[in-house]
């Protein structure tokens, strides 16, 4: 059968075929008495045509033909009216779809050209536009906060730092960071109508789940807009840290001071010459630290070492360190030149790629220039990212048994303190310590894949747990479907559509103590931010090059009147034949 020929009612094929055979046998039986006569073959041929016509009327044969319908214009929020008018004038018969009305998108694969106007298509609908000829025309930009960066999870004693960018501010208006009671904690005044980067902060004093607010007010104090900032504040955690140092550096000097001032218990073992060491103790009693063994290392949450100190460990100390990482969850943080990271034996777990440039701005610290080595961590299975600069991974770790081995390619971070950027320095090292140090004993760890959760919109989460076949339920006790990672049996992803605003929680059915708290916003919150992110995502998606425009073929049914005609002619022939 030709690949261009198909049947619309393929599910009827076998019943129709059986009926075709039965009817044909009936006709043969009826005419068999005239076998051998010269008109026998004519009557059989007419019978076959009549029965086949009936079968084809039932099956509805169709031919696959290339179809190109007209142009399509999709209107989204914040579109420009002049763009709409111009396109309607240029394409008189263009089909207009109003995406704002939550209409289901029609079949678009047969369209010659698609125009998307305004904010753009929601991320969850973009898959419908893959490999299609789409022109995206961005709409009007909304006034308000379009960039936002802050830690959703923080610790007591740290400062909540909120950074962002405000578009089209009005002269004299204020942007205020308020606590849950409406008390102003920090604010800025817009002294011009130019787009402005802002930074607001306040100290976190008590643990708990809190809702701060970013409020825009006019010069008279009237509220023009307010958006919620959910923050989970955890109790301050004191780490016990061991540092192995083979040579003095400014990086280590400033790091020791930072760790000590943060209240961590710190023991430093400095190598003077072969076999001779100098010990330093901060926030802890002086202890006699000889050779490293598993019993000694069990008391520490994190070991920070340069590559030279690791290479100088004896075979028994190396074995004890390996076992402590695998079995008790000790964290190991490697300091040193990038070209020495692969010279530490079994601790050489990172692959590097050489890149140009020795300065960068990491993603969560915009406008802070930091020195780095001319390398990046190669993205590979098992590598967890901590610091990124665009697509480059600058800091990360790998899970080794129960523990973690991490490193960073940032260097000379101590210069941030000399430049008065203590907050940036604190943020970088706090993130490194938190991610690599020994984990508290928990059966599950949760991670949100969305910055914000909105009512009735998809919220994606990631769950890492040793619980076999975990069952996650929401606040309404509904079961959340989970998908297991193909390469990691303890990694699961899920998606839920929260129906209520405010603080919500998810929990594992098999372990009620493992709870994930998240905050759900109204769909109308953070309009400028949502609009900007959707527009940027549409720009990225629709700029993807279509390598080859594939022709779209659709089955076009053959007109059934042809088969009715053949049937009538055949039956008429059978009726007339005896009379001739």
Protein backbone atom coordinates (compact mmCIF):
# COMPACT_ATOMS: atom_id res chain seq x y z
CA UNK A 1 0.00 0.00 0.00
CA UNK A 2 1.30 3.47 -0.86
CA UNK A 3 2.56 5.50 2.10
CA UNK A 4 0.33 8.35 0.84
CA UNK A 5 -2.86 6.27 1.12
CA UNK A 6 -4.53 5.71 4.46
CA UNK A 7 -7.96 5.09 5.98
CA UNK A 8 -9.68 7.43 8.41
CA UNK A 9 -11.61 4.54 10.03
CA UNK A 10 -8.71 2.16 10.48
CA UNK A 11 -10.34 0.64 13.58
CA UNK A 12 -13.11 -0.73 11.34
CA UNK A 13 -10.72 -2.48 8.95
CA UNK A 14 -11.15 -6.08 10.12
CA UNK A 15 -14.96 -6.00 10.59
CA UNK A 16 -15.34 -4.40 7.14
CA UNK A 17 -12.97 -6.94 5.58
CA UNK A 18 -14.96 -9.83 7.07
CA UNK A 19 -18.21 -8.29 5.80
CA UNK A 20 -16.64 -7.75 2.35
CA UNK A 21 -15.63 -11.44 2.17
CA UNK A 22 -19.08 -12.63 3.34
CA UNK A 23 -20.97 -10.50 0.78
CA UNK A 24 -18.63 -11.52 -2.00
CA UNK A 25 -19.17 -15.21 -1.17
CA UNK A 26 -22.94 -14.64 -1.25
CA UNK A 27 -22.70 -13.12 -4.73
CA UNK A 28 -20.46 -15.98 -5.92
CA UNK A 29 -22.90 -18.59 -4.55
CA UNK A 30 -25.82 -16.80 -6.23
CA UNK A 31 -24.13 -16.66 -9.64
CA UNK A 32 -22.29 -20.01 -9.46
CA UNK A 33 -25.07 -21.74 -11.41
CA UNK A 34 -24.04 -19.65 -14.43
CA UNK A 35 -20.34 -20.57 -14.20
CA UNK A 36 -18.89 -21.22 -17.62
CA UNK A 37 -21.22 -18.81 -19.40
CA UNK A 38 -19.67 -15.80 -21.15
CA UNK A 39 -21.39 -13.20 -18.86
CA UNK A 40 -20.32 -14.92 -15.61
CA UNK A 41 -17.06 -12.98 -15.34
CA UNK A 42 -18.87 -9.67 -16.01
CA UNK A 43 -21.36 -10.29 -13.21
CA UNK A 44 -18.58 -11.32 -10.78
CA UNK A 45 -16.60 -8.17 -11.66
CA UNK A 46 -19.65 -5.97 -11.04
CA UNK A 47 -20.26 -7.77 -7.74
CA UNK A 48 -16.65 -7.13 -6.61
CA UNK A 49 -16.97 -3.45 -7.54
CA UNK A 50 -20.27 -3.07 -5.65
CA UNK A 51 -19.06 -4.79 -2.48
CA UNK A 52 -15.70 -2.97 -2.56
CA UNK A 53 -17.45 0.38 -2.93
CA UNK A 54 -19.49 -0.31 0.20
CA UNK A 55 -16.31 -1.25 2.08
CA UNK A 56 -14.52 1.92 0.97
CA UNK A 57 -17.51 4.09 1.96
CA UNK A 58 -17.19 2.63 5.48
CA UNK A 59 -13.36 2.87 5.74
CA UNK A 60 -13.14 6.38 4.20
CA UNK A 61 -9.84 6.21 2.27
CA UNK A 62 -7.69 9.35 2.35
CA UNK A 63 -4.53 10.63 0.68
CA UNK A 64 -1.74 12.32 2.64
CA UNK A 65 -1.22 15.73 1.11
CA UNK A 66 0.95 18.67 2.08
CA UNK A 67 -1.24 21.27 3.73
CA UNK A 68 -0.44 24.90 4.33
CA UNK A 69 -3.25 26.93 5.77
CA UNK A 70 -2.99 30.69 6.33
CA UNK A 71 -1.05 32.94 8.68
CA UNK A 72 -1.83 32.98 12.40
CA UNK A 73 -1.62 35.93 14.80
CA UNK A 74 -1.54 35.17 18.54
CA UNK A 75 -2.26 38.05 20.91
CA UNK A 76 -0.86 37.88 24.47
CA UNK A 77 -0.79 40.31 27.40
CA UNK A 78 0.79 43.76 26.90
CA UNK A 79 0.79 43.60 23.08
CA UNK A 80 1.34 46.76 21.03
CA UNK A 81 -1.76 47.91 19.18
CA UNK A 82 0.23 49.42 16.30
CA UNK A 83 1.90 46.05 15.64
CA UNK A 84 -1.51 44.35 15.59
CA UNK A 85 -2.93 46.92 13.15
CA UNK A 86 0.09 46.66 10.84
CA UNK A 87 -0.11 42.87 10.64
CA UNK A 88 -3.87 42.90 10.00
CA UNK A 89 -3.29 45.39 7.19
CA UNK A 90 -0.46 43.36 5.66
CA UNK A 91 -2.28 40.01 5.96
CA UNK A 92 -5.96 40.61 5.29
CA UNK A 93 -7.05 37.02 5.93
CA UNK A 94 -4.82 36.37 8.95
CA UNK A 95 -6.38 34.23 11.70
CA UNK A 96 -6.36 35.98 15.10
CA UNK A 97 -6.17 33.98 18.36
CA UNK A 98 -6.54 35.75 21.72
CA UNK A 99 -4.23 33.85 24.07
CA UNK A 100 -5.33 36.08 26.97
CA UNK A 101 -8.71 34.31 27.12
CA UNK A 102 -7.07 31.00 28.06
CA UNK A 103 -8.29 29.43 24.85
CA UNK A 104 -6.84 26.08 23.86
CA UNK A 105 -4.36 26.62 21.06
CA UNK A 106 -5.50 25.10 17.74
CA UNK A 107 -3.37 22.88 15.52
CA UNK A 108 -0.53 25.13 14.34
CA UNK A 109 1.65 22.77 12.30
CA UNK A 110 -0.17 23.62 9.07
CA UNK A 111 0.33 27.38 9.39
CA UNK A 112 2.51 29.23 6.89
CA UNK A 113 3.66 31.84 9.40
CA UNK A 114 2.86 32.47 13.07
CA UNK A 115 3.15 35.87 14.76
CA UNK A 116 3.20 36.14 18.57
CA UNK A 117 2.55 39.62 19.98
CA UNK A 118 2.99 40.91 23.52
CA UNK A 119 4.34 39.27 26.65
CA UNK A 120 4.57 35.89 24.95
CA UNK A 121 3.51 32.28 25.34
CA UNK A 122 3.61 30.66 28.77
CA UNK A 123 6.59 28.36 29.25
CA UNK A 124 4.40 25.26 29.59
CA UNK A 125 2.88 25.90 26.13
CA UNK A 126 6.10 26.58 24.20
CA UNK A 127 6.53 22.94 23.21
CA UNK A 128 3.61 23.37 20.79
CA UNK A 129 5.73 25.78 18.72
CA UNK A 130 8.81 23.59 18.23
CA UNK A 131 10.16 23.69 14.65
CA UNK A 132 7.41 26.08 13.53
CA UNK A 133 7.93 29.36 11.61
CA UNK A 134 7.29 31.87 14.41
CA UNK A 135 8.03 35.59 14.60
CA UNK A 136 7.94 36.97 18.14
CA UNK A 137 7.23 40.69 18.60
CA UNK A 138 7.72 41.71 22.23
CA UNK A 139 5.11 43.97 23.80
CA UNK A 140 5.25 46.94 26.13
CA UNK A 141 7.48 46.58 29.18
CA UNK A 142 5.68 47.03 32.49
CA UNK A 143 6.89 49.45 35.11
CA UNK A 144 8.11 47.73 38.25
CA UNK A 145 10.60 45.11 39.43
CA UNK A 146 11.84 43.01 36.48
CA UNK A 147 14.93 41.48 38.10
CA UNK A 148 15.05 40.04 41.61
CA UNK A 149 17.67 38.17 43.58
CA UNK A 150 17.53 37.11 47.23
CA UNK A 151 17.99 33.99 49.36
CA UNK A 152 14.66 32.28 49.97
CA UNK A 153 16.35 30.30 52.76
CA UNK A 154 18.62 32.00 55.25
CA UNK A 155 19.96 31.72 58.80
CA UNK A 156 19.57 33.66 62.00
CA UNK A 157 22.25 36.34 62.25
CA UNK A 158 22.58 36.79 58.50
CA UNK A 159 21.24 39.76 56.60
CA UNK A 160 18.38 39.36 54.16
CA UNK A 161 19.71 41.08 51.03
CA UNK A 162 17.24 41.89 48.27
CA UNK A 163 18.74 43.03 44.97
CA UNK A 164 16.95 43.80 41.73
CA UNK A 165 16.17 46.19 38.91
CA UNK A 166 13.21 48.57 38.75
CA UNK A 167 11.95 49.74 35.35
CA UNK A 168 10.30 53.12 34.72
CA UNK A 169 10.28 54.45 38.30
CA UNK A 170 8.49 57.72 39.05
CA UNK A 171 10.46 60.60 40.51
CA UNK A 172 9.96 60.89 44.28
CA UNK A 173 8.47 57.43 44.78
CA UNK A 174 9.99 55.05 47.32
CA UNK A 175 10.65 51.30 47.35
CA UNK A 176 10.35 49.95 50.89
CA UNK A 177 11.35 46.61 52.39
CA UNK A 178 8.75 45.85 55.06
CA UNK A 179 8.42 43.07 57.60
CA UNK A 180 5.21 41.07 58.06
CA UNK A 181 3.75 43.79 60.27
CA UNK A 182 4.33 46.55 57.72
CA UNK A 183 7.31 48.10 59.55
CA UNK A 184 9.85 49.63 57.17
CA UNK A 185 13.23 47.88 57.45
CA UNK A 186 15.02 49.62 54.58
CA UNK A 187 14.10 51.83 51.64
CA UNK A 188 15.34 53.82 48.66
CA UNK A 189 13.97 56.95 46.98
CA UNK A 190 13.87 57.22 43.18
CA UNK A 191 15.64 60.46 42.34
CA UNK A 192 15.08 60.15 38.58
CA UNK A 193 12.88 58.29 36.11
CA UNK A 194 15.75 56.21 34.76
CA UNK A 195 15.75 52.44 35.27
CA UNK A 196 17.44 51.72 38.59
CA UNK A 197 19.23 48.83 40.27
CA UNK A 198 18.41 48.58 43.98
CA UNK A 199 19.61 46.81 47.08
CA UNK A 200 17.70 46.54 50.36
CA UNK A 201 18.57 44.55 53.47
CA UNK A 202 17.67 43.77 57.04
CA UNK A 203 19.03 41.54 59.79
CA UNK A 204 17.33 38.21 60.49
CA UNK A 205 17.05 37.70 64.25
CA UNK A 206 14.55 34.86 64.81
CA UNK A 207 14.00 31.57 63.00
CA UNK A 208 10.70 30.76 61.31
CA UNK A 209 8.73 31.26 58.10
CA UNK A 210 8.27 34.95 57.33
CA UNK A 211 6.64 37.15 54.72
CA UNK A 212 8.51 40.36 53.96
CA UNK A 213 7.12 42.80 51.38
CA UNK A 214 8.52 45.05 48.70
CA UNK A 215 6.19 48.04 48.66
CA UNK A 216 6.19 50.96 46.26
CA UNK A 217 4.87 54.22 47.74
CA UNK A 218 4.42 57.68 46.31
CA UNK A 219 5.82 60.86 47.89
CA UNK A 220 2.75 61.10 50.15
CA UNK A 221 3.12 57.56 51.46
CA UNK A 222 0.22 56.07 49.49
CA UNK A 223 0.78 52.42 48.54
CA UNK A 224 1.06 51.93 44.78
CA UNK A 225 2.00 48.27 44.77
CA UNK A 226 3.06 45.49 47.11
CA UNK A 227 4.64 42.08 46.45
CA UNK A 228 5.39 39.37 49.00
CA UNK A 229 8.90 38.06 49.73
CA UNK A 230 8.69 34.67 51.51
CA UNK A 231 11.76 33.80 53.58
CA UNK A 232 12.51 30.67 55.60
CA UNK A 233 14.91 31.52 58.43
CA UNK A 234 16.72 28.56 60.00
CA UNK A 235 18.59 28.49 63.28
CA UNK A 236 22.26 29.40 63.11
CA UNK A 237 24.42 26.30 62.70
CA UNK A 238 27.91 26.15 64.19
CA UNK A 239 30.29 23.96 62.22
CA UNK A 240 33.42 22.23 63.46
CA UNK A 241 36.05 22.75 60.76
CA UNK A 242 39.58 21.41 60.25
CA UNK A 243 41.96 23.25 57.93
CA UNK A 244 45.10 21.60 56.51
CA UNK A 245 47.52 24.19 55.15
CA UNK A 246 50.83 23.46 53.42
CA UNK A 247 51.79 27.10 52.75
CA UNK A 248 50.44 30.51 53.89
CA UNK A 249 48.13 32.49 51.57
CA UNK A 250 46.04 35.65 51.90
CA UNK A 251 42.98 33.61 50.90
CA UNK A 252 43.38 31.31 53.88
CA UNK A 253 44.24 34.16 56.26
CA UNK A 254 41.01 36.02 55.54
CA UNK A 255 38.99 32.79 55.45
CA UNK A 256 40.18 31.84 58.94
CA UNK A 257 39.14 35.24 60.29
CA UNK A 258 35.73 35.00 58.62
CA UNK A 259 35.06 31.51 59.98
CA UNK A 260 36.15 32.49 63.49
CA UNK A 261 34.05 35.67 63.50
CA UNK A 262 31.05 33.62 62.33
CA UNK A 263 31.33 31.52 65.48
CA UNK A 264 32.50 28.26 63.90
CA UNK A 265 34.82 25.97 65.83
CA UNK A 266 38.06 26.02 63.89
CA UNK A 267 41.27 24.01 64.11
CA UNK A 268 44.11 24.91 61.70
CA UNK A 269 47.10 22.66 61.06
CA UNK A 270 49.86 24.66 59.33
CA UNK A 271 52.85 22.81 57.87
CA UNK A 272 56.15 24.54 58.73
CA UNK A 273 58.66 22.01 57.42
CA UNK A 274 58.62 18.27 56.84
CA UNK A 275 57.12 16.66 59.93
CA UNK A 276 56.68 19.96 61.82
CA UNK A 277 53.34 21.75 62.21
CA UNK A 278 51.89 24.80 63.91
CA UNK A 279 48.35 24.58 65.29
CA UNK A 280 45.77 27.34 65.69
CA UNK A 281 42.47 27.08 67.59
CA UNK A 282 39.43 29.38 67.28
CA UNK A 283 36.24 29.06 69.39
CA UNK A 284 37.39 25.67 70.68
CA UNK A 285 39.71 24.21 73.28
CA UNK A 286 43.29 23.37 72.40
CA UNK A 287 43.53 19.69 71.58
CA UNK A 288 46.36 17.41 70.65
CA UNK A 289 45.87 16.59 66.97
CA UNK A 290 48.29 13.95 65.76
CA UNK A 291 47.83 11.79 62.72
CA UNK A 292 44.38 11.83 61.16
CA UNK A 293 42.25 8.79 61.80
CA UNK A 294 38.53 8.04 61.50
CA UNK A 295 37.88 8.69 65.20
CA UNK A 296 39.48 12.16 64.99
CA UNK A 297 37.72 13.10 61.75
CA UNK A 298 34.34 12.01 63.07
CA UNK A 299 34.24 15.17 65.24
CA UNK A 300 34.47 17.48 62.20
CA UNK A 301 31.81 18.64 59.76
CA UNK A 302 34.19 19.98 57.12
CA UNK A 303 37.82 19.62 56.15
CA UNK A 304 39.36 22.45 54.10
CA UNK A 305 42.68 21.60 52.50
CA UNK A 306 44.97 22.80 49.76
CA UNK A 307 46.12 20.16 47.29
CA UNK A 308 49.67 20.15 48.68
CA UNK A 309 48.51 19.20 52.18
CA UNK A 310 46.40 16.35 50.78
CA UNK A 311 49.35 14.95 48.84
CA UNK A 312 51.46 15.00 52.02
CA UNK A 313 49.03 12.76 53.93
CA UNK A 314 50.24 9.26 54.72
CA UNK A 315 48.48 6.28 53.20
CA UNK A 316 46.71 5.53 56.51
CA UNK A 317 45.54 9.16 56.81
CA UNK A 318 44.32 9.14 53.21
CA UNK A 319 42.39 5.93 53.84
CA UNK A 320 40.85 7.36 57.02
CA UNK A 321 39.78 10.50 55.16
CA UNK A 322 38.21 8.47 52.37
CA UNK A 323 36.26 6.33 54.84
CA UNK A 324 35.09 9.41 56.77
CA UNK A 325 33.72 10.96 53.59
CA UNK A 326 32.04 7.76 52.41
CA UNK A 327 30.63 6.53 55.72
CA UNK A 328 30.12 9.49 58.11
CA UNK A 329 29.41 12.24 55.56
CA UNK A 330 32.45 14.45 56.15
CA UNK A 331 32.72 17.31 53.65
CA UNK A 332 36.03 17.99 51.87
CA UNK A 333 36.70 21.38 50.27
CA UNK A 334 39.72 21.64 47.97
CA UNK A 335 41.69 24.87 47.64
CA UNK A 336 44.48 25.42 45.14
CA UNK A 337 45.46 26.00 41.55
CA UNK A 338 43.17 24.37 38.99
CA UNK A 339 45.98 22.38 37.42
CA UNK A 340 46.65 20.64 40.76
CA UNK A 341 43.07 19.46 41.35
CA UNK A 342 43.76 16.30 39.35
CA UNK A 343 46.92 15.46 41.32
CA UNK A 344 45.31 14.35 44.60
CA UNK A 345 44.65 10.70 43.81
CA UNK A 346 41.20 9.41 44.73
CA UNK A 347 40.11 12.95 45.61
CA UNK A 348 40.55 14.07 41.98
CA UNK A 349 36.87 13.97 41.04
CA UNK A 350 36.55 17.09 38.84
CA UNK A 351 37.12 17.59 35.13
CA UNK A 352 38.16 21.06 33.99
CA UNK A 353 37.82 23.01 30.76
CA UNK A 354 40.07 25.93 29.90
CA UNK A 355 38.30 29.20 29.14
CA UNK A 356 39.38 32.77 28.51
CA UNK A 357 39.05 35.54 31.05
CA UNK A 358 40.19 35.86 34.65
CA UNK A 359 37.35 38.05 35.99
CA UNK A 360 33.64 37.33 36.17
CA UNK A 361 30.33 38.19 37.79
CA UNK A 362 28.53 35.24 39.33
CA UNK A 363 24.80 34.93 38.71
CA UNK A 364 23.55 35.63 42.23
CA UNK A 365 25.93 38.57 42.79
CA UNK A 366 25.35 40.94 39.90
CA UNK A 367 27.69 43.93 39.51
CA UNK A 368 30.36 42.33 41.76
CA UNK A 369 33.51 41.57 39.77
CA UNK A 370 35.43 38.56 41.13
CA UNK A 371 38.77 37.08 40.06
CA UNK A 372 38.77 33.51 38.79
CA UNK A 373 41.14 31.01 37.28
CA UNK A 374 40.98 30.58 33.47
CA UNK A 375 39.01 27.34 33.82
CA UNK A 376 35.48 26.14 34.39
CA UNK A 377 34.15 22.88 35.85
CA UNK A 378 33.02 20.52 33.11
CA UNK A 379 29.30 19.81 33.32
CA UNK A 380 28.98 16.07 33.89
CA UNK A 381 26.85 13.53 35.66
CA UNK A 382 26.97 13.91 39.44
CA UNK A 383 28.27 17.49 39.51
CA UNK A 384 26.12 19.79 41.65
CA UNK A 385 26.49 23.51 40.90
CA UNK A 386 27.02 26.18 43.58
CA UNK A 387 28.25 29.26 41.68
CA UNK A 388 27.63 29.97 38.00
CA UNK A 389 28.49 32.73 35.60
CA UNK A 390 26.03 32.43 32.73
CA UNK A 391 26.68 28.87 31.53
CA UNK A 392 30.07 28.46 33.26
CA UNK A 393 30.25 26.45 36.49
CA UNK A 394 32.74 28.10 38.87
CA UNK A 395 32.00 26.23 42.13
CA UNK A 396 30.49 22.82 42.69
CA UNK A 397 30.64 19.51 44.47
CA UNK A 398 30.15 15.80 43.96
CA UNK A 399 28.47 13.38 46.34
CA UNK A 400 30.89 10.67 47.46
CA UNK A 401 29.02 8.12 49.53
CA UNK A 402 27.46 9.99 52.44
CA UNK A 403 29.80 12.98 52.06
CA UNK A 404 30.73 15.61 49.50
CA UNK A 405 33.89 16.83 47.80
CA UNK A 406 33.76 20.40 46.54
CA UNK A 407 35.95 23.11 45.06
CA UNK A 408 35.84 26.58 43.55
CA UNK A 409 37.70 28.25 40.69
CA UNK A 410 37.14 31.70 42.20
CA UNK A 411 40.38 33.15 43.54
CA UNK A 412 41.56 36.09 45.62
CA UNK A 413 38.09 36.49 47.12
CA UNK A 414 39.80 38.19 50.08
CA UNK A 415 40.14 41.30 47.92
CA UNK A 416 36.37 41.76 48.22
CA UNK A 417 36.88 42.58 51.90
CA UNK A 418 39.58 45.13 51.09
CA UNK A 419 37.15 46.75 48.64
CA UNK A 420 34.47 47.01 51.32
CA UNK A 421 32.33 44.23 49.83
CA UNK A 422 32.13 42.12 52.99
CA UNK A 423 28.55 41.07 52.22
CA UNK A 424 29.56 39.57 48.87
CA UNK A 425 32.48 37.75 50.52
CA UNK A 426 30.21 36.43 53.27
CA UNK A 427 27.61 35.24 50.77
CA UNK A 428 30.14 33.35 48.62
CA UNK A 429 31.73 31.47 51.49
CA UNK A 430 28.48 30.85 53.38
CA UNK A 431 27.07 29.15 50.27
CA UNK A 432 30.21 27.02 49.89
CA UNK A 433 30.20 25.96 53.55
CA UNK A 434 26.49 25.19 53.59
CA UNK A 435 26.59 23.04 50.47
CA UNK A 436 29.74 21.00 51.20
CA UNK A 437 29.72 20.49 54.99
CA UNK A 438 28.40 17.33 56.67
CA UNK A 439 24.65 16.90 56.36
CA UNK A 440 22.47 16.48 59.40
CA UNK A 441 20.83 13.07 59.46
CA UNK A 442 17.69 13.45 57.33
CA UNK A 443 15.84 10.97 55.19
CA UNK A 444 14.99 13.49 52.48
CA UNK A 445 16.09 16.81 51.01
CA UNK A 446 13.81 19.04 48.95
CA UNK A 447 14.53 21.59 46.26
CA UNK A 448 12.13 23.91 44.42
CA UNK A 449 12.77 24.20 40.67
CA UNK A 450 10.75 27.46 40.47
CA UNK A 451 11.73 30.72 42.18
CA UNK A 452 8.07 31.46 42.88
CA UNK A 453 4.93 29.37 43.18
CA UNK A 454 1.67 30.81 41.85
CA UNK A 455 -1.89 29.68 42.44
CA UNK A 456 -3.22 27.26 39.78
CA UNK A 457 0.16 27.23 37.98
CA UNK A 458 2.66 24.39 37.77
CA UNK A 459 5.14 24.22 40.64
CA UNK A 460 8.02 21.77 40.12
CA UNK A 461 10.04 20.20 42.90
CA UNK A 462 12.97 17.86 43.29
CA UNK A 463 13.19 15.26 46.06
CA UNK A 464 16.30 13.34 47.07
CA UNK A 465 15.54 10.54 49.51
CA UNK A 466 16.61 7.06 50.54
CA UNK A 467 12.95 6.13 51.12
CA UNK A 468 11.95 3.44 48.66
CA UNK A 469 9.08 4.48 46.35
CA UNK A 470 8.27 7.69 48.25
CA UNK A 471 4.69 8.95 48.24
CA UNK A 472 4.37 12.73 48.53
CA UNK A 473 1.11 14.40 49.58
CA UNK A 474 0.12 18.06 49.62
CA UNK A 475 -1.76 20.05 52.29
CA UNK A 476 -5.07 18.60 51.01
CA UNK A 477 -3.69 15.06 51.29
CA UNK A 478 -3.65 14.70 47.49
CA UNK A 479 -0.95 12.42 46.10
CA UNK A 480 1.72 14.17 43.96
CA UNK A 481 2.93 12.02 41.01
CA UNK A 482 6.72 11.52 41.08
CA UNK A 483 9.15 10.54 38.33
CA UNK A 484 12.35 8.71 39.24
CA UNK A 485 15.65 9.75 37.67
CA UNK A 486 17.05 7.14 35.29
CA UNK A 487 20.61 7.44 36.64
CA UNK A 488 19.98 8.14 40.32
CA UNK A 489 17.46 5.95 42.11
CA UNK A 490 17.24 8.39 45.05
CA UNK A 491 16.35 11.40 42.90
CA UNK A 492 12.69 12.15 42.10
CA UNK A 493 10.89 15.06 40.43
CA UNK A 494 7.26 16.06 40.71
CA UNK A 495 4.78 18.74 39.76
CA UNK A 496 1.80 20.16 41.58
CA UNK A 497 -0.78 22.91 40.94
CA UNK A 498 -1.39 24.67 44.29
CA UNK A 499 -5.00 25.75 44.80
CA UNK A 500 -4.52 28.05 47.81
CA UNK A 501 -2.29 31.05 48.45
CA UNK A 502 -0.01 31.47 51.46
CA UNK A 503 2.34 28.99 53.12
CA UNK A 504 1.78 25.42 51.93
CA UNK A 505 3.59 22.19 52.63
CA UNK A 506 4.39 18.84 51.11
CA UNK A 507 5.25 15.73 53.10
CA UNK A 508 6.42 12.19 52.54
CA UNK A 509 3.76 9.66 53.50
CA UNK A 510 6.36 7.18 54.82
CA UNK A 511 8.10 9.85 56.95
CA UNK A 512 5.86 12.56 58.40
CA UNK A 513 8.87 14.46 59.79
CA UNK A 514 10.15 15.21 56.27
CA UNK A 515 8.21 18.37 55.33
CA UNK A 516 8.77 20.93 52.57
CA UNK A 517 7.37 24.43 53.12
CA UNK A 518 6.76 26.79 50.21
CA UNK A 519 4.79 29.99 49.64
CA UNK A 520 2.08 30.36 46.97
CA UNK A 521 1.46 33.79 45.42
CA UNK A 522 -1.63 35.07 43.67
CA UNK A 523 -1.40 34.88 39.88
CA UNK A 524 -1.58 38.70 39.79
CA UNK A 525 1.53 39.14 41.99
CA UNK A 526 4.90 40.18 40.56
CA UNK A 527 3.35 41.17 37.22
CA UNK A 528 6.38 43.09 35.91
CA UNK A 529 8.73 40.28 36.93
CA UNK A 530 6.54 37.59 35.37
CA UNK A 531 6.12 39.63 32.19
CA UNK A 532 9.86 40.17 31.81
CA UNK A 533 10.74 36.52 32.45
CA UNK A 534 8.12 35.26 29.98
CA UNK A 535 9.32 37.73 27.34
CA UNK A 536 12.96 36.69 27.82
CA UNK A 537 12.04 33.00 27.62
CA UNK A 538 10.08 33.61 24.39
CA UNK A 539 13.00 35.54 22.90
CA UNK A 540 15.36 32.64 23.64
CA UNK A 541 12.94 29.99 22.40
CA UNK A 542 11.90 31.65 19.15
CA UNK A 543 15.46 32.57 18.24
CA UNK A 544 16.29 28.88 17.85
CA UNK A 545 17.17 28.23 14.22
CA UNK A 546 14.88 25.92 12.27
CA UNK A 547 17.37 23.78 10.38
CA UNK A 548 14.90 22.54 7.83
CA UNK A 549 11.27 23.47 7.30
CA UNK A 550 9.50 20.15 7.31
CA UNK A 551 6.48 19.78 5.08
CA UNK A 552 3.35 18.93 7.00
CA UNK A 553 1.10 16.26 5.47
CA UNK A 554 -2.45 15.61 6.57
CA UNK A 555 -4.92 12.94 5.39
CA UNK A 556 -7.52 14.39 2.99
CA UNK A 557 -10.54 12.10 2.58
CA UNK A 558 -11.49 11.01 -0.96
CA UNK A 559 -15.02 12.20 -1.76
CA UNK A 560 -17.47 9.38 -0.93
CA UNK A 561 -19.66 10.31 -3.92
CA UNK A 562 -17.19 8.48 -6.16
CA UNK A 563 -17.80 5.23 -4.31
CA UNK A 564 -21.58 5.78 -4.21
CA UNK A 565 -21.43 6.29 -7.97
CA UNK A 566 -19.44 3.09 -8.56
CA UNK A 567 -21.83 1.19 -6.29
CA UNK A 568 -24.93 2.45 -8.17
CA UNK A 569 -23.39 1.72 -11.58
CA UNK A 570 -22.37 -1.79 -10.47
CA UNK A 571 -25.77 -2.60 -8.99
CA UNK A 572 -27.46 -1.13 -12.07
CA UNK A 573 -25.37 -3.40 -14.28
CA UNK A 574 -26.32 -6.45 -12.25
CA UNK A 575 -30.00 -5.45 -12.52
CA UNK A 576 -29.88 -4.80 -16.28
CA UNK A 577 -27.78 -7.84 -17.26
CA UNK A 578 -30.62 -10.42 -17.21
CA UNK A 579 -32.80 -8.09 -19.31
CA UNK A 580 -30.27 -7.69 -22.14
